[in-house]
Amino acid sequence: MSQWRVLIEENVGTTTRKEWRVSDIYEVKGERAEARSIAYELAVRHRPQHPMNDGVRSVYRISDDEYLTTIKGMTAKYHYRVVVAELLTLNASGKLS
């Protein structure tokens, strides 16, 4: 059985030192359809670290498994990405399982 996750990638850190990274990983109890539903909700409702004050939000569906959300802050435009991913782990011999 597949293990599905929803990842959020965004800029995190302080104003002078931001970095793009995975900020959250949500473990999905159901199948891929459930993960896609969660991803959509996060694309619409997630409150990223930047900007502090939400402005106009635009959500773009890149594929059935990926969204890009832009938010216009008071002084700049920010974005984050939400992605559905299947967890593949490496065992001790380095093979995917």
C-alpha atoms as a PDB file:
ATOM      1  CA  MET A   1       0.000   0.000   0.000  1.00  0.00           C
ATOM      2  CA  SER A   2       1.283   3.452  -0.913  1.00  0.00           C
ATOM      3  CA  GLN A   3       2.043   6.038   1.738  1.00  0.00           C
ATOM      4  CA  TRP A   4       0.979   9.542   0.681  1.00  0.00           C
ATOM      5  CA  ARG A   5       2.197  12.881   1.995  1.00  0.00           C
ATOM      6  CA  VAL A   6       1.407  16.516   1.280  1.00  0.00           C
ATOM      7  CA  LEU A   7       4.422  18.840   1.362  1.00  0.00           C
ATOM      8  CA  ILE A   8       4.473  22.618   1.622  1.00  0.00           C
ATOM      9  CA  GLU A   9       7.491  24.487   0.252  1.00  0.00           C
ATOM     10  CA  GLU A  10       7.911  28.156   1.143  1.00  0.00           C
ATOM     11  CA  ASN A  11      10.322  30.869   2.230  1.00  0.00           C
ATOM     12  CA  VAL A  12      11.013  30.647   5.946  1.00  0.00           C
ATOM     13  CA  GLY A  13      13.241  32.710   8.174  1.00  0.00           C
ATOM     14  CA  THR A  14      13.748  36.355   8.974  1.00  0.00           C
ATOM     15  CA  THR A  15      13.400  39.306   6.648  1.00  0.00           C
ATOM     16  CA  THR A  16      17.146  39.447   6.067  1.00  0.00           C
ATOM     17  CA  ARG A  17      17.723  35.690   5.876  1.00  0.00           C
ATOM     18  CA  LYS A  18      14.987  33.698   4.155  1.00  0.00           C
ATOM     19  CA  GLU A  19      15.435  30.281   2.630  1.00  0.00           C
ATOM     20  CA  TRP A  20      13.215  28.146   0.409  1.00  0.00           C
ATOM     21  CA  ARG A  21      12.516  24.785   2.032  1.00  0.00           C
ATOM     22  CA  VAL A  22       9.897  22.216   2.951  1.00  0.00           C
ATOM     23  CA  SER A  23       8.110  23.812   5.884  1.00  0.00           C
ATOM     24  CA  ASP A  24       5.485  21.139   6.573  1.00  0.00           C
ATOM     25  CA  ILE A  25       4.869  17.497   5.721  1.00  0.00           C
ATOM     26  CA  TYR A  26       1.369  16.158   6.303  1.00  0.00           C
ATOM     27  CA  GLU A  27       0.926  12.400   6.657  1.00  0.00           C
ATOM     28  CA  VAL A  28      -2.186  11.225   4.827  1.00  0.00           C
ATOM     29  CA  LYS A  29      -4.173   8.316   6.252  1.00  0.00           C
ATOM     30  CA  GLY A  30      -6.009   7.604   2.992  1.00  0.00           C
ATOM     31  CA  GLU A  31      -5.140   7.133  -0.647  1.00  0.00           C
ATOM     32  CA  ARG A  32      -3.944   9.573  -3.295  1.00  0.00           C
ATOM     33  CA  ALA A  33      -7.423  11.103  -3.737  1.00  0.00           C
ATOM     34  CA  GLU A  34      -7.427  12.075  -0.048  1.00  0.00           C
ATOM     35  CA  ALA A  35      -3.938  13.571  -0.385  1.00  0.00           C
ATOM     36  CA  ARG A  36      -5.119  15.626  -3.380  1.00  0.00           C
ATOM     37  CA  SER A  37      -8.075  16.927  -1.394  1.00  0.00           C
ATOM     38  CA  ILE A  38      -5.804  17.966   1.484  1.00  0.00           C
ATOM     39  CA  ALA A  39      -3.383  19.616  -0.956  1.00  0.00           C
ATOM     40  CA  TYR A  40      -6.179  21.716  -2.440  1.00  0.00           C
ATOM     41  CA  GLU A  41      -7.346  22.843   1.007  1.00  0.00           C
ATOM     42  CA  LEU A  42      -3.790  23.796   1.968  1.00  0.00           C
ATOM     43  CA  ALA A  43      -3.299  25.683  -1.305  1.00  0.00           C
ATOM     44  CA  VAL A  44      -6.376  27.755  -0.480  1.00  0.00           C
ATOM     45  CA  ARG A  45      -6.061  28.126   3.315  1.00  0.00           C
ATOM     46  CA  HIS A  46      -2.422  27.706   4.423  1.00  0.00           C
ATOM     47  CA  ARG A  47      -1.036  30.726   6.307  1.00  0.00           C
ATOM     48  CA  PRO A  48       2.631  30.997   5.338  1.00  0.00           C
ATOM     49  CA  GLN A  49       5.239  32.717   7.477  1.00  0.00           C
ATOM     50  CA  HIS A  50       5.532  35.469   4.846  1.00  0.00           C
ATOM     51  CA  PRO A  51       3.671  37.781   4.356  1.00  0.00           C
ATOM     52  CA  MET A  52       2.462  38.526   7.876  1.00  0.00           C
ATOM     53  CA  ASN A  53      -0.676  40.242   6.523  1.00  0.00           C
ATOM     54  CA  ASP A  54      -2.620  38.467   3.788  1.00  0.00           C
ATOM     55  CA  GLY A  55      -3.620  40.383   0.702  1.00  0.00           C
ATOM     56  CA  VAL A  56      -4.965  39.045  -2.567  1.00  0.00           C
ATOM     57  CA  ARG A  57      -4.432  35.292  -2.862  1.00  0.00           C
ATOM     58  CA  SER A  58      -4.242  33.480  -6.213  1.00  0.00           C
ATOM     59  CA  VAL A  59      -4.109  29.684  -6.464  1.00  0.00           C
ATOM     60  CA  TYR A  60      -2.732  27.981  -9.583  1.00  0.00           C
ATOM     61  CA  ARG A  61      -3.183  24.267 -10.222  1.00  0.00           C
ATOM     62  CA  ILE A  62       0.028  23.106 -11.899  1.00  0.00           C
ATOM     63  CA  SER A  63      -1.148  19.485 -12.039  1.00  0.00           C
ATOM     64  CA  ASP A  64      -3.544  17.234 -10.108  1.00  0.00           C
ATOM     65  CA  ASP A  65      -0.732  16.841  -7.545  1.00  0.00           C
ATOM     66  CA  GLU A  66       0.697  20.367  -7.338  1.00  0.00           C
ATOM     67  CA  TYR A  67      -0.498  23.909  -6.587  1.00  0.00           C
ATOM     68  CA  LEU A  68       1.261  27.256  -6.502  1.00  0.00           C
ATOM     69  CA  THR A  69      -0.271  30.003  -4.358  1.00  0.00           C
ATOM     70  CA  THR A  70       0.702  33.661  -4.565  1.00  0.00           C
ATOM     71  CA  ILE A  71      -0.168  36.218  -1.895  1.00  0.00           C
ATOM     72  CA  LYS A  72       0.260  39.938  -2.290  1.00  0.00           C
ATOM     73  CA  GLY A  73       1.577  41.389   0.963  1.00  0.00           C
ATOM     74  CA  MET A  74       1.810  45.045   1.892  1.00  0.00           C
ATOM     75  CA  THR A  75       5.223  45.524   0.288  1.00  0.00           C
ATOM     76  CA  ALA A  76       5.911  42.420  -1.831  1.00  0.00           C
ATOM     77  CA  LYS A  77       4.400  39.333  -3.445  1.00  0.00           C
ATOM     78  CA  TYR A  78       5.077  35.920  -1.898  1.00  0.00           C
ATOM     79  CA  HIS A  79       4.391  32.356  -2.968  1.00  0.00           C
ATOM     80  CA  TYR A  80       4.338  28.804  -1.694  1.00  0.00           C
ATOM     81  CA  ARG A  81       3.942  25.401  -3.322  1.00  0.00           C
ATOM     82  CA  VAL A  82       1.816  22.448  -2.189  1.00  0.00           C
ATOM     83  CA  VAL A  83       2.751  19.027  -3.569  1.00  0.00           C
ATOM     84  CA  VAL A  84       1.274  15.524  -3.243  1.00  0.00           C
ATOM     85  CA  ALA A  85       4.052  12.949  -2.910  1.00  0.00           C
ATOM     86  CA  GLU A  86       4.318   9.202  -2.472  1.00  0.00           C
ATOM     87  CA  LEU A  87       6.766   8.281   0.279  1.00  0.00           C
ATOM     88  CA  LEU A  88       9.511   5.972  -0.977  1.00  0.00           C
ATOM     89  CA  THR A  89      12.036   4.878   1.605  1.00  0.00           C
ATOM     90  CA  LEU A  90      15.497   3.465   1.180  1.00  0.00           C
ATOM     91  CA  ASN A  91      16.302   0.291   3.047  1.00  0.00           C
ATOM     92  CA  ALA A  92      19.729  -0.529   4.516  1.00  0.00           C
ATOM     93  CA  SER A  93      21.007  -1.813   1.158  1.00  0.00           C
ATOM     94  CA  GLY A  94      20.004   1.430  -0.576  1.00  0.00           C
ATOM     95  CA  LYS A  95      17.042  -0.020  -2.478  1.00  0.00           C
ATOM     96  CA  LEU A  96      13.653   1.659  -2.651  1.00  0.00           C
ATOM     97  CA  SER A  97      10.935  -0.089  -0.691  1.00  0.00           C
END
